[in-house]
């Protein structure tokens, strides 16, 4: 097998590699930001906000609850009947 490349072949290879890099880097960046966007949309879905409204309407928290009250509530629901109902907002705690 002949591994001796001419200068023309080397330059052609470099051009192809540059094209690939110019294509791969933007696609990778776009896919990265799409993944972040999809993750945020999944975490903060409508269910997330409905569960907050349910917390207040059922009286588990006041309408003007603090982060401490919210964290205290979330730490107490595990292994209770409320875990299934409010696990989503307590799992993605801010």
PDB file of N, CA and C in Angstrom:
ATOM      1  N   UNK A   1       0.845  -1.174   0.000  1.00  0.00           N
ATOM      2  CA  UNK A   1       0.000   0.000   0.000  1.00  0.00           C
ATOM      3  C   UNK A   1       0.893   1.242   0.000  1.00  0.00           C
ATOM      4  N   UNK A   2       0.579   2.146  -0.866  1.00  0.00           N
ATOM      5  CA  UNK A   2       1.384   3.343  -1.026  1.00  0.00           C
ATOM      6  C   UNK A   2       0.833   4.448  -0.139  1.00  0.00           C
ATOM      7  N   UNK A   3       1.598   4.882   0.864  1.00  0.00           N
ATOM      8  CA  UNK A   3       1.170   5.916   1.795  1.00  0.00           C
ATOM      9  C   UNK A   3       1.755   7.279   1.473  1.00  0.00           C
ATOM     10  N   UNK A   4       2.430   7.408   0.378  1.00  0.00           N
ATOM     11  CA  UNK A   4       3.014   8.685  -0.009  1.00  0.00           C
ATOM     12  C   UNK A   4       1.955   9.530  -0.713  1.00  0.00           C
ATOM     13  N   UNK A   5       1.602  10.615  -0.099  1.00  0.00           N
ATOM     14  CA  UNK A   5       0.589  11.501  -0.676  1.00  0.00           C
ATOM     15  C   UNK A   5       1.283  12.647  -1.378  1.00  0.00           C
ATOM     16  N   UNK A   6       0.659  13.082  -2.436  1.00  0.00           N
ATOM     17  CA  UNK A   6       1.168  14.269  -3.095  1.00  0.00           C
ATOM     18  C   UNK A   6       0.664  15.481  -2.338  1.00  0.00           C
ATOM     19  N   UNK A   7       1.268  16.608  -2.602  1.00  0.00           N
ATOM     20  CA  UNK A   7       0.833  17.832  -1.920  1.00  0.00           C
ATOM     21  C   UNK A   7      -0.612  18.169  -2.280  1.00  0.00           C
ATOM     22  N   UNK A   8      -0.994  17.866  -3.496  1.00  0.00           N
ATOM     23  CA  UNK A   8      -2.377  18.122  -3.934  1.00  0.00           C
ATOM     24  C   UNK A   8      -3.369  17.249  -3.169  1.00  0.00           C
ATOM     25  N   UNK A   9      -3.031  15.994  -2.961  1.00  0.00           N
ATOM     26  CA  UNK A   9      -3.903  15.105  -2.195  1.00  0.00           C
ATOM     27  C   UNK A   9      -4.005  15.553  -0.746  1.00  0.00           C
ATOM     28  N   UNK A  10      -2.899  16.004  -0.188  1.00  0.00           N
ATOM     29  CA  UNK A  10      -2.901  16.493   1.190  1.00  0.00           C
ATOM     30  C   UNK A  10      -3.783  17.722   1.322  1.00  0.00           C
ATOM     31  N   UNK A  11      -3.657  18.660   0.405  1.00  0.00           N
ATOM     32  CA  UNK A  11      -4.491  19.867   0.442  1.00  0.00           C
ATOM     33  C   UNK A  11      -5.967  19.532   0.263  1.00  0.00           C
ATOM     34  N   UNK A  12      -6.272  18.580  -0.596  1.00  0.00           N
ATOM     35  CA  UNK A  12      -7.659  18.161  -0.804  1.00  0.00           C
ATOM     36  C   UNK A  12      -8.221  17.531   0.471  1.00  0.00           C
ATOM     37  N   UNK A  13      -7.409  16.743   1.147  1.00  0.00           N
ATOM     38  CA  UNK A  13      -7.829  16.128   2.404  1.00  0.00           C
ATOM     39  C   UNK A  13      -8.078  17.185   3.475  1.00  0.00           C
ATOM     40  N   UNK A  14      -7.215  18.172   3.528  1.00  0.00           N
ATOM     41  CA  UNK A  14      -7.384  19.251   4.505  1.00  0.00           C
ATOM     42  C   UNK A  14      -8.675  20.009   4.233  1.00  0.00           C
ATOM     43  N   UNK A  15      -8.989  20.271   2.969  1.00  0.00           N
ATOM     44  CA  UNK A  15     -10.228  20.971   2.615  1.00  0.00           C
ATOM     45  C   UNK A  15     -11.451  20.164   3.056  1.00  0.00           C
ATOM     46  N   UNK A  16     -11.422  18.866   2.842  1.00  0.00           N
ATOM     47  CA  UNK A  16     -12.542  18.014   3.255  1.00  0.00           C
ATOM     48  C   UNK A  16     -12.702  18.006   4.770  1.00  0.00           C
ATOM     49  N   UNK A  17     -11.584  17.972   5.486  1.00  0.00           N
ATOM     50  CA  UNK A  17     -11.636  17.974   6.941  1.00  0.00           C
ATOM     51  C   UNK A  17     -12.184  19.296   7.464  1.00  0.00           C
ATOM     52  N   UNK A  18     -11.801  20.394   6.840  1.00  0.00           N
ATOM     53  CA  UNK A  18     -12.333  21.698   7.248  1.00  0.00           C
ATOM     54  C   UNK A  18     -13.828  21.775   7.021  1.00  0.00           C
ATOM     55  N   UNK A  19     -14.291  21.270   5.879  1.00  0.00           N
ATOM     56  CA  UNK A  19     -15.730  21.256   5.602  1.00  0.00           C
ATOM     57  C   UNK A  19     -16.461  20.460   6.671  1.00  0.00           C
ATOM     58  N   UNK A  20     -15.895  19.317   7.029  1.00  0.00           N
ATOM     59  CA  UNK A  20     -16.521  18.476   8.046  1.00  0.00           C
ATOM     60  C   UNK A  20     -16.579  19.196   9.390  1.00  0.00           C
ATOM     61  N   UNK A  21     -15.494  19.862   9.749  1.00  0.00           N
ATOM     62  CA  UNK A  21     -15.453  20.583  11.033  1.00  0.00           C
ATOM     63  C   UNK A  21     -16.454  21.727  11.019  1.00  0.00           C
ATOM     64  N   UNK A  22     -16.517  22.475   9.909  1.00  0.00           N
ATOM     65  CA  UNK A  22     -17.452  23.591   9.815  1.00  0.00           C
ATOM     66  C   UNK A  22     -18.900  23.120   9.847  1.00  0.00           C
ATOM     67  N   UNK A  23     -19.124  21.886   9.508  1.00  0.00           N
ATOM     68  CA  UNK A  23     -20.469  21.336   9.557  1.00  0.00           C
ATOM     69  C   UNK A  23     -20.778  20.721  10.922  1.00  0.00           C
ATOM     70  N   UNK A  24     -19.821  20.000  11.483  1.00  0.00           N
ATOM     71  CA  UNK A  24     -20.045  19.264  12.735  1.00  0.00           C
ATOM     72  C   UNK A  24     -20.167  20.196  13.937  1.00  0.00           C
ATOM     73  N   UNK A  25     -19.340  21.201  14.032  1.00  0.00           N
ATOM     74  CA  UNK A  25     -19.357  22.082  15.207  1.00  0.00           C
ATOM     75  C   UNK A  25     -20.697  22.805  15.351  1.00  0.00           C
ATOM     76  N   UNK A  26     -21.228  23.461  14.311  1.00  0.00           N
ATOM     77  CA  UNK A  26     -22.539  24.112  14.490  1.00  0.00           C
ATOM     78  C   UNK A  26     -23.671  23.131  14.800  1.00  0.00           C
ATOM     79  N   UNK A  27     -23.639  21.972  14.167  1.00  0.00           N
ATOM     80  CA  UNK A  27     -24.677  20.971  14.438  1.00  0.00           C
ATOM     81  C   UNK A  27     -24.591  20.518  15.887  1.00  0.00           C
ATOM     82  N   UNK A  28     -23.409  20.299  16.398  1.00  0.00           N
ATOM     83  CA  UNK A  28     -23.222  19.891  17.798  1.00  0.00           C
ATOM     84  C   UNK A  28     -23.726  20.970  18.748  1.00  0.00           C
ATOM     85  N   UNK A  29     -23.427  22.220  18.452  1.00  0.00           N
ATOM     86  CA  UNK A  29     -23.874  23.319  19.304  1.00  0.00           C
ATOM     87  C   UNK A  29     -25.396  23.407  19.301  1.00  0.00           C
ATOM     88  N   UNK A  30     -26.003  23.294  18.125  1.00  0.00           N
ATOM     89  CA  UNK A  30     -27.462  23.353  18.026  1.00  0.00           C
ATOM     90  C   UNK A  30     -28.096  22.195  18.797  1.00  0.00           C
ATOM     91  N   UNK A  31     -27.573  20.997  18.644  1.00  0.00           N
ATOM     92  CA  UNK A  31     -28.118  19.846  19.369  1.00  0.00           C
ATOM     93  C   UNK A  31     -27.968  20.005  20.874  1.00  0.00           C
ATOM     94  N   UNK A  32     -26.873  20.582  21.322  1.00  0.00           N
ATOM     95  CA  UNK A  32     -26.660  20.826  22.745  1.00  0.00           C
ATOM     96  C   UNK A  32     -27.730  21.758  23.298  1.00  0.00           C
ATOM     97  N   UNK A  33     -27.971  22.879  22.605  1.00  0.00           N
ATOM     98  CA  UNK A  33     -28.970  23.822  23.087  1.00  0.00           C
ATOM     99  C   UNK A  33     -30.390  23.275  22.972  1.00  0.00           C
ATOM    100  N   UNK A  34     -30.657  22.460  21.973  1.00  0.00           N
ATOM    101  CA  UNK A  34     -31.966  21.805  21.884  1.00  0.00           C
ATOM    102  C   UNK A  34     -32.173  20.843  23.046  1.00  0.00           C
ATOM    103  N   UNK A  35     -31.123  20.145  23.445  1.00  0.00           N
ATOM    104  CA  UNK A  35     -31.228  19.234  24.592  1.00  0.00           C
ATOM    105  C   UNK A  35     -31.506  20.004  25.875  1.00  0.00           C
ATOM    106  N   UNK A  36     -30.843  21.144  26.049  1.00  0.00           N
ATOM    107  CA  UNK A  36     -31.096  21.977  27.229  1.00  0.00           C
ATOM    108  C   UNK A  36     -32.534  22.476  27.218  1.00  0.00           C
ATOM    109  N   UNK A  37     -32.994  22.962  26.065  1.00  0.00           N
ATOM    110  CA  UNK A  37     -34.366  23.465  25.946  1.00  0.00           C
ATOM    111  C   UNK A  37     -35.389  22.363  26.252  1.00  0.00           C
ATOM    112  N   UNK A  38     -35.162  21.171  25.702  1.00  0.00           N
ATOM    113  CA  UNK A  38     -36.082  20.061  25.950  1.00  0.00           C
ATOM    114  C   UNK A  38     -36.093  19.674  27.423  1.00  0.00           C
ATOM    115  N   UNK A  39     -34.926  19.688  28.060  1.00  0.00           N
ATOM    116  CA  UNK A  39     -34.863  19.355  29.485  1.00  0.00           C
ATOM    117  C   UNK A  39     -35.614  20.348  30.343  1.00  0.00           C
ATOM    118  N   UNK A  40     -35.451  21.626  30.044  1.00  0.00           N
ATOM    119  CA  UNK A  40     -36.156  22.659  30.814  1.00  0.00           C
ATOM    120  C   UNK A  40     -37.657  22.557  30.591  1.00  0.00           C
ATOM    121  N   UNK A  41     -38.072  22.298  29.361  1.00  0.00           N
ATOM    122  CA  UNK A  41     -39.502  22.154  29.072  1.00  0.00           C
ATOM    123  C   UNK A  41     -40.080  20.940  29.797  1.00  0.00           C
ATOM    124  N   UNK A  42     -39.288  19.878  29.894  1.00  0.00           N
ATOM    125  CA  UNK A  42     -39.762  18.681  30.576  1.00  0.00           C
ATOM    126  C   UNK A  42     -39.899  18.939  32.080  1.00  0.00           C
ATOM    127  N   UNK A  43     -38.904  19.595  32.658  1.00  0.00           N
ATOM    128  CA  UNK A  43     -38.927  19.847  34.093  1.00  0.00           C
ATOM    129  C   UNK A  43     -40.049  20.802  34.467  1.00  0.00           C
ATOM    130  N   UNK A  44     -40.142  21.916  33.754  1.00  0.00           N
ATOM    131  CA  UNK A  44     -41.122  22.950  34.078  1.00  0.00           C
ATOM    132  C   UNK A  44     -42.337  22.859  33.164  1.00  0.00           C
ATOM    133  N   UNK A  45     -42.920  21.680  33.093  1.00  0.00           N
ATOM    134  CA  UNK A  45     -44.105  21.470  32.270  1.00  0.00           C
ATOM    135  C   UNK A  45     -45.336  22.038  32.972  1.00  0.00           C
ATOM    136  N   UNK A  46     -46.478  21.921  32.329  1.00  0.00           N
ATOM    137  CA  UNK A  46     -47.726  22.394  32.924  1.00  0.00           C
ATOM    138  C   UNK A  46     -48.026  21.665  34.231  1.00  0.00           C
ATOM    139  N   UNK A  47     -47.655  20.393  34.285  1.00  0.00           N
ATOM    140  CA  UNK A  47     -47.878  19.608  35.505  1.00  0.00           C
ATOM    141  C   UNK A  47     -47.144  20.231  36.688  1.00  0.00           C
ATOM    142  N   UNK A  48     -45.961  20.752  36.454  1.00  0.00           N
ATOM    143  CA  UNK A  48     -45.159  21.384  37.506  1.00  0.00           C
ATOM    144  C   UNK A  48     -45.920  22.550  38.127  1.00  0.00           C
ATOM    145  N   UNK A  49     -46.467  23.419  37.294  1.00  0.00           N
ATOM    146  CA  UNK A  49     -47.185  24.591  37.800  1.00  0.00           C
ATOM    147  C   UNK A  49     -48.550  24.215  38.389  1.00  0.00           C
ATOM    148  N   UNK A  50     -49.193  23.194  37.833  1.00  0.00           N
ATOM    149  CA  UNK A  50     -50.477  22.742  38.388  1.00  0.00           C
ATOM    150  C   UNK A  50     -50.283  22.152  39.782  1.00  0.00           C
ATOM    151  N   UNK A  51     -49.159  21.489  39.999  1.00  0.00           N
ATOM    152  CA  UNK A  51     -48.907  20.928  41.322  1.00  0.00           C
ATOM    153  C   UNK A  51     -48.681  22.029  42.351  1.00  0.00           C
ATOM    154  N   UNK A  52     -48.050  23.124  41.952  1.00  0.00           N
ATOM    155  CA  UNK A  52     -47.913  24.261  42.871  1.00  0.00           C
ATOM    156  C   UNK A  52     -49.278  24.820  43.232  1.00  0.00           C
ATOM    157  N   UNK A  53     -50.158  24.966  42.242  1.00  0.00           N
ATOM    158  CA  UNK A  53     -51.511  25.458  42.513  1.00  0.00           C
ATOM    159  C   UNK A  53     -52.258  24.501  43.426  1.00  0.00           C
ATOM    160  N   UNK A  54     -52.059  23.211  43.222  1.00  0.00           N
ATOM    161  CA  UNK A  54     -52.705  22.201  44.060  1.00  0.00           C
ATOM    162  C   UNK A  54     -52.182  22.260  45.498  1.00  0.00           C
ATOM    163  N   UNK A  55     -50.889  22.492  45.659  1.00  0.00           N
ATOM    164  CA  UNK A  55     -50.318  22.638  47.005  1.00  0.00           C
ATOM    165  C   UNK A  55     -51.021  23.750  47.780  1.00  0.00           C
ATOM    166  N   UNK A  56     -51.242  24.860  47.103  1.00  0.00           N
ATOM    167  CA  UNK A  56     -51.862  26.014  47.753  1.00  0.00           C
ATOM    168  C   UNK A  56     -53.354  25.764  47.957  1.00  0.00           C
ATOM    169  N   UNK A  57     -54.025  25.243  46.935  1.00  0.00           N
ATOM    170  CA  UNK A  57     -55.480  25.062  47.050  1.00  0.00           C
ATOM    171  C   UNK A  57     -55.856  24.011  48.089  1.00  0.00           C
ATOM    172  N   UNK A  58     -55.014  23.006  48.290  1.00  0.00           N
ATOM    173  CA  UNK A  58     -55.293  21.990  49.306  1.00  0.00           C
ATOM    174  C   UNK A  58     -54.806  22.398  50.691  1.00  0.00           C
ATOM    175  N   UNK A  59     -54.144  23.539  50.791  1.00  0.00           N
ATOM    176  CA  UNK A  59     -53.738  24.047  52.091  1.00  0.00           C
ATOM    177  C   UNK A  59     -52.433  23.506  52.621  1.00  0.00           C
ATOM    178  N   UNK A  60     -51.670  22.828  51.784  1.00  0.00           N
ATOM    179  CA  UNK A  60     -50.368  22.330  52.249  1.00  0.00           C
ATOM    180  C   UNK A  60     -49.384  23.477  52.429  1.00  0.00           C
ATOM    181  N   UNK A  61     -49.530  24.518  51.607  1.00  0.00           N
ATOM    182  CA  UNK A  61     -48.691  25.712  51.707  1.00  0.00           C
ATOM    183  C   UNK A  61     -49.572  26.946  51.560  1.00  0.00           C
ATOM    184  N   UNK A  62     -49.139  28.053  52.165  1.00  0.00           N
ATOM    185  CA  UNK A  62     -49.844  29.318  51.983  1.00  0.00           C
ATOM    186  C   UNK A  62     -49.568  29.849  50.584  1.00  0.00           C
ATOM    187  N   UNK A  63     -50.405  30.777  50.130  1.00  0.00           N
ATOM    188  CA  UNK A  63     -50.221  31.356  48.801  1.00  0.00           C
ATOM    189  C   UNK A  63     -48.900  32.117  48.702  1.00  0.00           C
ATOM    190  N   UNK A  64     -48.442  32.674  49.799  1.00  0.00           N
ATOM    191  CA  UNK A  64     -47.169  33.407  49.791  1.00  0.00           C
ATOM    192  C   UNK A  64     -46.093  32.626  50.556  1.00  0.00           C
ATOM    193  N   UNK A  65     -45.959  31.328  50.228  1.00  0.00           N
ATOM    194  CA  UNK A  65     -45.008  30.470  50.933  1.00  0.00           C
ATOM    195  C   UNK A  65     -43.576  30.872  50.621  1.00  0.00           C
ATOM    196  N   UNK A  66     -42.706  30.583  51.562  1.00  0.00           N
ATOM    197  CA  UNK A  66     -41.282  30.871  51.380  1.00  0.00           C
ATOM    198  C   UNK A  66     -40.573  29.605  50.887  1.00  0.00           C
ATOM    199  N   UNK A  67     -39.340  29.760  50.441  1.00  0.00           N
ATOM    200  CA  UNK A  67     -38.563  28.607  49.999  1.00  0.00           C
ATOM    201  C   UNK A  67     -38.339  27.632  51.159  1.00  0.00           C
ATOM    202  N   UNK A  68     -38.170  28.165  52.366  1.00  0.00           N
ATOM    203  CA  UNK A  68     -37.964  27.298  53.521  1.00  0.00           C
ATOM    204  C   UNK A  68     -39.198  26.429  53.766  1.00  0.00           C
ATOM    205  N   UNK A  69     -40.392  27.038  53.707  1.00  0.00           N
ATOM    206  CA  UNK A  69     -41.627  26.266  53.889  1.00  0.00           C
ATOM    207  C   UNK A  69     -41.767  25.211  52.795  1.00  0.00           C
ATOM    208  N   UNK A  70     -41.423  25.589  51.586  1.00  0.00           N
ATOM    209  CA  UNK A  70     -41.498  24.658  50.455  1.00  0.00           C
ATOM    210  C   UNK A  70     -40.532  23.492  50.648  1.00  0.00           C
ATOM    211  N   UNK A  71     -39.305  23.779  51.043  1.00  0.00           N
ATOM    212  CA  UNK A  71     -38.319  22.727  51.283  1.00  0.00           C
ATOM    213  C   UNK A  71     -38.728  21.842  52.462  1.00  0.00           C
ATOM    214  N   UNK A  72     -39.282  22.444  53.500  1.00  0.00           N
ATOM    215  CA  UNK A  72     -39.755  21.656  54.649  1.00  0.00           C
ATOM    216  C   UNK A  72     -40.871  20.711  54.229  1.00  0.00           C
ATOM    217  N   UNK A  73     -41.797  21.218  53.421  1.00  0.00           N
ATOM    218  CA  UNK A  73     -42.889  20.371  52.940  1.00  0.00           C
ATOM    219  C   UNK A  73     -42.331  19.207  52.133  1.00  0.00           C
ATOM    220  N   UNK A  74     -41.412  19.509  51.232  1.00  0.00           N
ATOM    221  CA  UNK A  74     -40.863  18.463  50.367  1.00  0.00           C
ATOM    222  C   UNK A  74     -40.069  17.421  51.161  1.00  0.00           C
ATOM    223  N   UNK A  75     -39.426  17.831  52.216  1.00  0.00           N
ATOM    224  CA  UNK A  75     -38.654  16.867  52.998  1.00  0.00           C
ATOM    225  C   UNK A  75     -39.566  15.942  53.810  1.00  0.00           C
ATOM    226  N   UNK A  76     -40.809  16.353  54.032  1.00  0.00           N
ATOM    227  CA  UNK A  76     -41.729  15.559  54.854  1.00  0.00           C
ATOM    228  C   UNK A  76     -42.631  14.633  54.048  1.00  0.00           C
ATOM    229  N   UNK A  77     -42.711  14.790  52.709  1.00  0.00           N
ATOM    230  CA  UNK A  77     -43.679  13.995  51.944  1.00  0.00           C
ATOM    231  C   UNK A  77     -43.187  12.613  51.563  1.00  0.00           C
ATOM    232  N   UNK A  78     -41.881  12.390  51.611  1.00  0.00           N
ATOM    233  CA  UNK A  78     -41.368  11.096  51.175  1.00  0.00           C
ATOM    234  C   UNK A  78     -41.893   9.988  52.078  1.00  0.00           C
ATOM    235  N   UNK A  79     -42.276   8.890  51.486  1.00  0.00           N
ATOM    236  CA  UNK A  79     -42.851   7.723  52.159  1.00  0.00           C
ATOM    237  C   UNK A  79     -44.210   8.027  52.785  1.00  0.00           C
ATOM    238  N   UNK A  80     -44.951   8.969  52.201  1.00  0.00           N
ATOM    239  CA  UNK A  80     -46.327   9.236  52.618  1.00  0.00           C
ATOM    240  C   UNK A  80     -47.214   9.190  51.374  1.00  0.00           C
ATOM    241  N   UNK A  81     -48.513   9.380  51.579  1.00  0.00           N
ATOM    242  CA  UNK A  81     -49.447   9.380  50.459  1.00  0.00           C
ATOM    243  C   UNK A  81     -49.230  10.577  49.530  1.00  0.00           C
ATOM    244  N   UNK A  82     -48.651  11.637  50.054  1.00  0.00           N
ATOM    245  CA  UNK A  82     -48.430  12.842  49.251  1.00  0.00           C
ATOM    246  C   UNK A  82     -47.250  12.710  48.291  1.00  0.00           C
ATOM    247  N   UNK A  83     -46.415  11.695  48.497  1.00  0.00           N
ATOM    248  CA  UNK A  83     -45.223  11.547  47.646  1.00  0.00           C
ATOM    249  C   UNK A  83     -45.606  11.375  46.181  1.00  0.00           C
ATOM    250  N   UNK A  84     -46.565  10.510  45.906  1.00  0.00           N
ATOM    251  CA  UNK A  84     -46.966  10.271  44.518  1.00  0.00           C
ATOM    252  C   UNK A  84     -47.569  11.523  43.883  1.00  0.00           C
ATOM    253  N   UNK A  85     -48.295  12.268  44.681  1.00  0.00           N
ATOM    254  CA  UNK A  85     -48.991  13.448  44.170  1.00  0.00           C
ATOM    255  C   UNK A  85     -48.043  14.610  43.880  1.00  0.00           C
ATOM    256  N   UNK A  86     -47.036  14.819  44.732  1.00  0.00           N
ATOM    257  CA  UNK A  86     -46.171  15.994  44.617  1.00  0.00           C
ATOM    258  C   UNK A  86     -44.698  15.657  44.386  1.00  0.00           C
ATOM    259  N   UNK A  87     -44.412  14.461  43.978  1.00  0.00           N
ATOM    260  CA  UNK A  87     -43.007  14.080  43.807  1.00  0.00           C
ATOM    261  C   UNK A  87     -42.331  14.864  42.689  1.00  0.00           C
ATOM    262  N   UNK A  88     -43.076  15.241  41.656  1.00  0.00           N
ATOM    263  CA  UNK A  88     -42.469  15.956  40.536  1.00  0.00           C
ATOM    264  C   UNK A  88     -41.886  17.293  40.959  1.00  0.00           C
ATOM    265  N   UNK A  89     -42.650  18.086  41.686  1.00  0.00           N
ATOM    266  CA  UNK A  89     -42.131  19.412  42.063  1.00  0.00           C
ATOM    267  C   UNK A  89     -41.092  19.306  43.171  1.00  0.00           C
ATOM    268  N   UNK A  90     -41.151  18.271  43.965  1.00  0.00           N
ATOM    269  CA  UNK A  90     -40.144  18.147  45.018  1.00  0.00           C
ATOM    270  C   UNK A  90     -38.860  17.520  44.484  1.00  0.00           C
ATOM    271  N   UNK A  91     -38.947  16.752  43.418  1.00  0.00           N
ATOM    272  CA  UNK A  91     -37.748  16.170  42.821  1.00  0.00           C
ATOM    273  C   UNK A  91     -36.940  17.258  42.111  1.00  0.00           C
ATOM    274  N   UNK A  92     -37.615  18.168  41.433  1.00  0.00           N
ATOM    275  CA  UNK A  92     -36.955  19.259  40.703  1.00  0.00           C
ATOM    276  C   UNK A  92     -36.947  20.525  41.538  1.00  0.00           C
ATOM    277  N   UNK A  93     -36.607  20.402  42.784  1.00  0.00           N
ATOM    278  CA  UNK A  93     -36.648  21.532  43.700  1.00  0.00           C
ATOM    279  C   UNK A  93     -35.658  22.617  43.259  1.00  0.00           C
ATOM    280  N   UNK A  94     -36.094  23.838  43.317  1.00  0.00           N
ATOM    281  CA  UNK A  94     -35.260  24.976  42.852  1.00  0.00           C
ATOM    282  C   UNK A  94     -34.216  25.353  43.869  1.00  0.00           C
TER     283      UNK A  94
END
